[in-house]
Amino acid sequence: MPVPNDSYALRRTHCPGCGVFYNAMNLGPREPVIEAFPGVYYAQCPHCKVRWHVHRPGASERDLADLFVAERPAEQPDITAAWTGAVLRLTLDDHILRVGPAVGRPDTDEIPHPLDEVAHVLTGWNPGGLPGRLTHNLDAHKRLLDDLRERGLHLQTDAACHHPEFAWAEQSVVVVGAEESLVLEIARGFGQPAVLRWTAGLLTPIGTHTREPLADGDPVVVTRLPQRPCVMTGEARDEVCRNPGGPWISRSRAVGTDWNDRRTCLYTALGCDTCQGARAGGIAGAAARVVSIRPSVPSRYGLARRTTVTGP
């Protein structure tokens, strides 16, 4: 197969995803070039698996594919958008349950609604609707659990909410059978703008100040998971996930650091039965443990910026 000879393909010396060097004094592996169909060529990094066009007549030379990592969350302009579309995961009677949109795969293990009473889902993370520091969020959620236990409420504490594509995750607690007015009062006291009301087949966001539903609610089904999947892909894996970054250039180091940061936050909230807190694969993955506490978290309100991060 002829290799494309456009100027971009000839000039490029490193992967635009992870920054590993190619074709420069034999410092790295050569990029495999794939012909998708006549006249359309792709290059693929053998290290991080990013793909991009190197030659496509009538279009731009460079079209990057997404990195094999959880995406950054989009900035949420309003509370309604921030509190709809989430997935709830909890452990109930030693079963790991996923409460969210129907997956649509034939191998999913759907079960009936597991509770006899109305439940509410609360979190202590990101008070005030601003992305907070991870240590601050962990402390806030612990204080929320202590408050709920002191009130003698029926709790399911092994719970978390997350984005369907794992862009963010947060520790949560499920309060079963409590009066909604009490739940809203508690959540408001911890700076939370909303909670989720969980009834059979529906997760409905309720505003803590208005005490009214923020939206019609998201139809959900309850499925039983065989294990806690990889937090970066959402799929069960046989091996620890791989950090696509590396130490070669500033871009590759930034990719590796950002990946580790997000993996740390997602793992803290959700856990993973594959890695169990071990280091990620890859050169950049070996540089930082998943259990290290990073300063900020991706959240349902968007990604924390230095100017908006709350907490000490």
Protein backbone atom coordinates (compact mmCIF):
# COMPACT_ATOMS: atom_id res chain seq x y z
CA MET A 1 0.00 0.00 0.00
CA PRO A 2 1.46 3.40 -0.89
CA VAL A 3 2.13 5.64 2.12
CA PRO A 4 0.54 9.09 1.90
CA ASN A 5 3.01 11.80 0.99
CA ASP A 6 1.14 14.93 2.09
CA SER A 7 3.20 17.54 3.84
CA TYR A 8 1.65 17.01 7.27
CA ALA A 9 2.39 13.29 7.28
CA LEU A 10 6.00 13.96 6.26
CA ARG A 11 6.56 16.72 8.84
CA ARG A 12 4.99 15.11 11.88
CA THR A 13 7.42 13.52 14.35
CA HIS A 14 5.26 12.67 17.34
CA CYS A 15 1.79 11.40 18.21
CA PRO A 16 -0.65 14.29 18.67
CA GLY A 17 -2.35 12.35 21.46
CA CYS A 18 0.35 11.13 23.84
CA GLY A 19 3.43 12.77 22.30
CA VAL A 20 5.52 9.64 21.71
CA PHE A 21 8.16 10.23 19.04
CA TYR A 22 8.04 8.58 15.62
CA ASN A 23 10.40 8.33 12.71
CA ALA A 24 12.97 10.67 14.27
CA MET A 25 16.39 9.08 14.70
CA ASN A 26 14.62 5.82 15.61
CA LEU A 27 13.44 7.24 18.95
CA GLY A 28 10.07 5.56 18.75
CA PRO A 29 7.98 3.06 16.82
CA ARG A 30 6.84 3.86 13.31
CA GLU A 31 3.21 4.78 12.99
CA PRO A 32 1.09 2.17 11.19
CA VAL A 33 -0.75 3.78 8.29
CA ILE A 34 -4.11 2.23 7.42
CA GLU A 35 -6.07 2.68 4.21
CA ALA A 36 -9.71 2.85 5.26
CA PHE A 37 -10.84 2.97 1.64
CA PRO A 38 -9.19 4.23 -1.55
CA GLY A 39 -7.70 7.66 -1.01
CA VAL A 40 -8.46 7.80 2.73
CA TYR A 41 -5.55 7.01 5.06
CA TYR A 42 -5.34 6.88 8.82
CA ALA A 43 -2.37 6.78 11.14
CA GLN A 44 -2.72 5.08 14.49
CA CYS A 45 -0.44 5.42 17.48
CA PRO A 46 0.64 1.96 18.68
CA HIS A 47 1.07 3.38 22.19
CA CYS A 48 -2.16 5.24 23.02
CA LYS A 49 -4.24 4.06 20.00
CA VAL A 50 -5.24 7.57 18.92
CA ARG A 51 -6.15 7.65 15.22
CA TRP A 52 -6.09 10.61 12.87
CA HIS A 53 -6.37 11.24 9.15
CA VAL A 54 -3.08 11.81 7.38
CA HIS A 55 -4.52 12.31 3.93
CA ARG A 56 -8.09 12.77 2.81
CA PRO A 57 -8.77 14.55 -0.48
CA GLY A 58 -11.14 17.47 -0.12
CA ALA A 59 -10.87 17.71 3.67
CA SER A 60 -8.44 18.95 6.29
CA GLU A 61 -5.29 16.91 6.72
CA ARG A 62 -5.67 16.38 10.44
CA ASP A 63 -8.76 15.00 12.16
CA LEU A 64 -7.98 13.64 15.63
CA ALA A 65 -9.95 10.82 17.14
CA ASP A 66 -10.87 10.91 20.82
CA LEU A 67 -8.40 9.70 23.39
CA PHE A 68 -9.17 6.40 25.03
CA VAL A 69 -10.06 8.09 28.34
CA ALA A 70 -13.13 9.40 30.08
CA GLU A 71 -14.15 12.69 28.52
CA ARG A 72 -14.02 15.96 30.42
CA PRO A 73 -17.53 16.99 31.49
CA ALA A 74 -19.19 19.78 29.61
CA GLU A 75 -19.78 22.97 31.53
CA GLN A 76 -23.32 22.90 32.91
CA PRO A 77 -25.07 26.28 32.63
CA ASP A 78 -27.98 25.45 34.92
CA ILE A 79 -28.90 23.17 37.79
CA THR A 80 -31.55 21.30 35.81
CA ALA A 81 -29.04 20.22 33.18
CA ALA A 82 -26.54 19.29 35.89
CA TRP A 83 -28.98 17.05 37.77
CA THR A 84 -30.53 15.12 34.88
CA GLY A 85 -29.13 12.14 33.02
CA ALA A 86 -27.04 10.69 35.85
CA VAL A 87 -26.59 7.00 36.65
CA LEU A 88 -26.86 5.69 40.21
CA ARG A 89 -24.76 2.76 41.37
CA LEU A 90 -25.21 1.13 44.76
CA THR A 91 -24.50 -2.11 46.57
CA LEU A 92 -27.64 -3.69 48.02
CA ASP A 93 -27.72 -7.14 49.65
CA ASP A 94 -24.23 -7.84 48.28
CA HIS A 95 -25.36 -7.09 44.72
CA ILE A 96 -23.90 -4.24 42.65
CA LEU A 97 -26.82 -2.42 41.06
CA ARG A 98 -26.87 0.09 38.22
CA VAL A 99 -29.88 2.43 38.09
CA GLY A 100 -29.95 4.27 34.80
CA PRO A 101 -31.12 4.25 31.18
CA ALA A 102 -31.66 0.85 29.62
CA VAL A 103 -28.41 -0.49 28.19
CA GLY A 104 -30.10 -2.51 25.45
CA ARG A 105 -27.72 -5.47 25.49
CA PRO A 106 -29.15 -9.02 25.65
CA ASP A 107 -26.73 -10.03 28.41
CA THR A 108 -27.90 -7.38 30.90
CA ASP A 109 -29.41 -8.71 34.12
CA GLU A 110 -32.44 -6.49 34.70
CA ILE A 111 -34.25 -6.85 38.03
CA PRO A 112 -37.41 -5.31 39.52
CA HIS A 113 -37.28 -2.13 41.59
CA PRO A 114 -35.52 -3.29 44.79
CA LEU A 115 -37.11 -0.94 47.35
CA ASP A 116 -40.58 -0.88 48.89
CA GLU A 117 -40.45 2.82 49.78
CA VAL A 118 -39.53 6.07 48.05
CA ALA A 119 -35.82 6.82 48.33
CA HIS A 120 -33.74 9.95 47.86
CA VAL A 121 -30.16 10.21 46.63
CA LEU A 122 -27.95 12.82 48.32
CA THR A 123 -24.29 13.80 48.12
CA GLY A 124 -21.98 16.03 50.08
CA TRP A 125 -19.72 16.67 47.10
CA ASN A 126 -19.32 20.05 45.40
CA PRO A 127 -21.42 22.21 47.75
CA GLY A 128 -22.79 25.40 46.30
CA GLY A 129 -22.86 23.93 42.79
CA LEU A 130 -19.11 24.51 42.30
CA PRO A 131 -16.47 21.85 41.62
CA GLY A 132 -14.58 21.30 44.88
CA ARG A 133 -11.27 19.83 45.93
CA LEU A 134 -11.31 16.07 46.41
CA THR A 135 -10.19 16.20 50.04
CA HIS A 136 -12.87 18.82 50.76
CA ASN A 137 -15.54 16.69 49.07
CA LEU A 138 -14.56 13.58 51.01
CA ASP A 139 -14.77 15.50 54.29
CA ALA A 140 -18.13 17.08 53.36
CA HIS A 141 -19.63 13.71 52.46
CA LYS A 142 -18.40 12.17 55.72
CA ARG A 143 -20.08 14.99 57.68
CA LEU A 144 -23.30 14.39 55.71
CA LEU A 145 -23.24 10.67 56.58
CA ASP A 146 -22.61 11.45 60.25
CA ASP A 147 -25.59 13.82 60.27
CA LEU A 148 -27.89 11.28 58.62
CA ARG A 149 -26.83 8.51 61.02
CA GLU A 150 -27.45 10.73 64.03
CA ARG A 151 -31.03 11.21 62.80
CA GLY A 152 -31.52 7.43 62.69
CA LEU A 153 -32.50 7.33 59.02
CA HIS A 154 -32.44 4.18 56.90
CA LEU A 155 -29.35 4.55 54.70
CA GLN A 156 -27.59 2.75 51.86
CA THR A 157 -24.13 4.28 52.05
CA ASP A 158 -22.26 2.26 49.42
CA ALA A 159 -23.53 4.39 46.54
CA ALA A 160 -22.36 6.84 43.90
CA CYS A 161 -23.74 8.81 40.97
CA HIS A 162 -21.86 9.15 37.72
CA HIS A 163 -22.14 10.46 34.19
CA PRO A 164 -23.32 7.78 31.70
CA GLU A 165 -19.95 8.07 29.91
CA PHE A 166 -17.98 8.40 33.16
CA ALA A 167 -17.11 12.05 32.65
CA TRP A 168 -17.63 12.60 36.40
CA ALA A 169 -18.60 10.70 39.53
CA GLU A 170 -19.48 11.58 43.10
CA GLN A 171 -20.03 9.67 46.30
CA SER A 172 -23.70 9.46 47.23
CA VAL A 173 -26.00 8.07 49.90
CA VAL A 174 -29.49 6.63 49.41
CA VAL A 175 -31.98 7.60 52.13
CA VAL A 176 -34.90 5.18 52.19
CA GLY A 177 -38.38 6.01 53.48
CA ALA A 178 -37.66 9.49 54.87
CA GLU A 179 -39.96 12.47 54.47
CA GLU A 180 -38.96 14.45 51.40
CA SER A 181 -39.15 17.76 53.26
CA LEU A 182 -36.59 16.50 55.78
CA VAL A 183 -34.27 15.23 53.06
CA LEU A 184 -34.43 18.57 51.23
CA GLU A 185 -33.72 20.46 54.44
CA ILE A 186 -30.64 18.34 55.15
CA ALA A 187 -29.33 18.64 51.59
CA ARG A 188 -29.85 22.39 51.61
CA GLY A 189 -27.89 22.61 54.86
CA PHE A 190 -24.96 20.96 53.10
CA GLY A 191 -25.07 23.38 50.19
CA GLN A 192 -26.72 21.03 47.72
CA PRO A 193 -29.06 22.63 45.15
CA ALA A 194 -30.92 19.37 44.42
CA VAL A 195 -31.44 15.74 45.36
CA LEU A 196 -32.75 12.79 43.34
CA ARG A 197 -36.08 11.16 44.17
CA TRP A 198 -35.90 7.45 43.30
CA THR A 199 -39.16 5.68 42.60
CA ALA A 200 -39.88 2.61 40.48
CA GLY A 201 -38.59 3.36 36.99
CA LEU A 202 -37.78 7.03 37.58
CA LEU A 203 -35.03 9.30 38.92
CA THR A 204 -36.39 12.81 39.41
CA PRO A 205 -34.28 15.83 40.44
CA ILE A 206 -35.90 17.92 43.20
CA GLY A 207 -34.74 21.46 43.93
CA THR A 208 -33.84 21.95 47.58
CA HIS A 209 -35.00 25.59 47.59
CA THR A 210 -38.12 25.35 45.45
CA ARG A 211 -39.04 21.86 46.74
CA GLU A 212 -40.37 21.19 43.24
CA PRO A 213 -39.15 18.81 40.52
CA LEU A 214 -36.57 20.44 38.27
CA ALA A 215 -37.55 18.17 35.36
CA ASP A 216 -39.94 15.35 34.52
CA GLY A 217 -37.35 12.78 35.57
CA ASP A 218 -35.26 10.20 33.77
CA PRO A 219 -36.74 6.76 33.02
CA VAL A 220 -34.43 4.14 34.54
CA VAL A 221 -34.10 0.40 34.86
CA VAL A 222 -32.23 -1.53 37.55
CA THR A 223 -29.58 -3.94 36.36
CA ARG A 224 -27.26 -6.20 38.32
CA LEU A 225 -23.56 -5.86 37.52
CA PRO A 226 -21.19 -8.84 37.83
CA GLN A 227 -18.44 -6.52 39.12
CA ARG A 228 -17.46 -2.87 39.39
CA PRO A 229 -16.20 -2.01 35.89
CA CYS A 230 -13.20 0.08 34.85
CA VAL A 231 -13.89 3.72 35.69
CA MET A 232 -12.18 4.96 32.52
CA THR A 233 -14.10 2.83 30.04
CA GLY A 234 -17.19 1.63 31.90
CA GLU A 235 -16.45 -1.94 30.83
CA ALA A 236 -15.25 -4.96 32.76
CA ARG A 237 -11.57 -5.60 32.02
CA ASP A 238 -9.11 -8.43 32.55
CA GLU A 239 -6.17 -6.10 33.10
CA VAL A 240 -5.45 -2.72 34.62
CA CYS A 241 -6.23 0.21 32.30
CA ARG A 242 -3.37 1.98 30.55
CA ASN A 243 -2.43 5.63 30.83
CA PRO A 244 -1.90 6.99 27.28
CA GLY A 245 0.48 9.76 28.39
CA GLY A 246 4.22 9.71 28.79
CA PRO A 247 7.33 11.65 29.76
CA TRP A 248 8.44 12.64 26.26
CA ILE A 249 7.22 16.22 25.80
CA SER A 250 5.09 18.69 27.77
CA ARG A 251 1.92 17.66 25.90
CA SER A 252 2.39 13.98 26.69
CA ARG A 253 3.12 14.77 30.34
CA ALA A 254 -0.04 16.88 30.53
CA VAL A 255 -2.08 14.03 29.02
CA GLY A 256 -0.68 11.59 31.57
CA THR A 257 -1.26 13.88 34.54
CA ASP A 258 -4.81 14.77 33.48
CA TRP A 259 -5.63 11.10 32.92
CA ASN A 260 -4.33 10.13 36.35
CA ASP A 261 -6.21 13.01 37.98
CA ARG A 262 -9.53 11.94 36.51
CA ARG A 263 -8.91 8.27 37.23
CA THR A 264 -8.18 9.13 40.86
CA CYS A 265 -11.44 11.04 41.23
CA LEU A 266 -13.55 8.43 39.46
CA TYR A 267 -11.98 5.57 41.40
CA THR A 268 -12.49 7.35 44.72
CA ALA A 269 -16.22 7.57 44.08
CA LEU A 270 -16.86 4.31 42.21
CA GLY A 271 -14.05 1.84 42.89
CA CYS A 272 -12.95 -0.84 40.43
CA ASP A 273 -12.76 -4.60 40.88
CA THR A 274 -10.00 -4.89 38.28
CA CYS A 275 -7.32 -2.50 39.49
CA GLN A 276 -8.29 -2.36 43.21
CA GLY A 277 -6.35 0.87 43.55
CA ALA A 278 -3.22 -0.35 41.79
CA ARG A 279 -1.16 1.78 39.43
CA ALA A 280 -2.33 2.14 35.86
CA GLY A 281 -0.38 0.60 33.01
CA GLY A 282 1.89 2.62 30.76
CA ILE A 283 4.87 4.81 31.52
CA ALA A 284 2.77 7.70 32.83
CA GLY A 285 0.55 5.35 34.83
CA ALA A 286 3.54 4.10 36.81
CA ALA A 287 4.36 7.65 37.85
CA ALA A 288 1.31 8.17 40.07
CA ARG A 289 -0.89 5.88 42.15
CA VAL A 290 -4.62 6.02 41.69
CA VAL A 291 -5.12 6.63 45.39
CA SER A 292 -3.17 9.89 45.46
CA ILE A 293 -5.41 12.86 46.24
CA ARG A 294 -5.44 15.44 43.47
CA PRO A 295 -6.60 19.00 44.03
CA SER A 296 -9.82 19.15 42.02
CA VAL A 297 -12.47 16.93 40.50
CA PRO A 298 -14.49 16.70 37.31
CA SER A 299 -18.08 17.18 38.43
CA ARG A 300 -21.67 17.38 37.24
CA TYR A 301 -21.19 21.17 37.23
CA GLY A 302 -18.18 21.07 34.91
CA LEU A 303 -14.45 20.73 35.31
CA ALA A 304 -12.87 22.60 38.18
CA ARG A 305 -10.78 25.60 37.26
CA ARG A 306 -8.21 27.17 39.55
CA THR A 307 -10.40 30.26 39.90
CA THR A 308 -13.54 28.31 40.86
CA VAL A 309 -12.26 25.44 42.98
CA THR A 310 -13.84 25.54 46.43
CA GLY A 311 -12.53 24.25 49.70
CA PRO A 312 -9.15 24.51 51.43
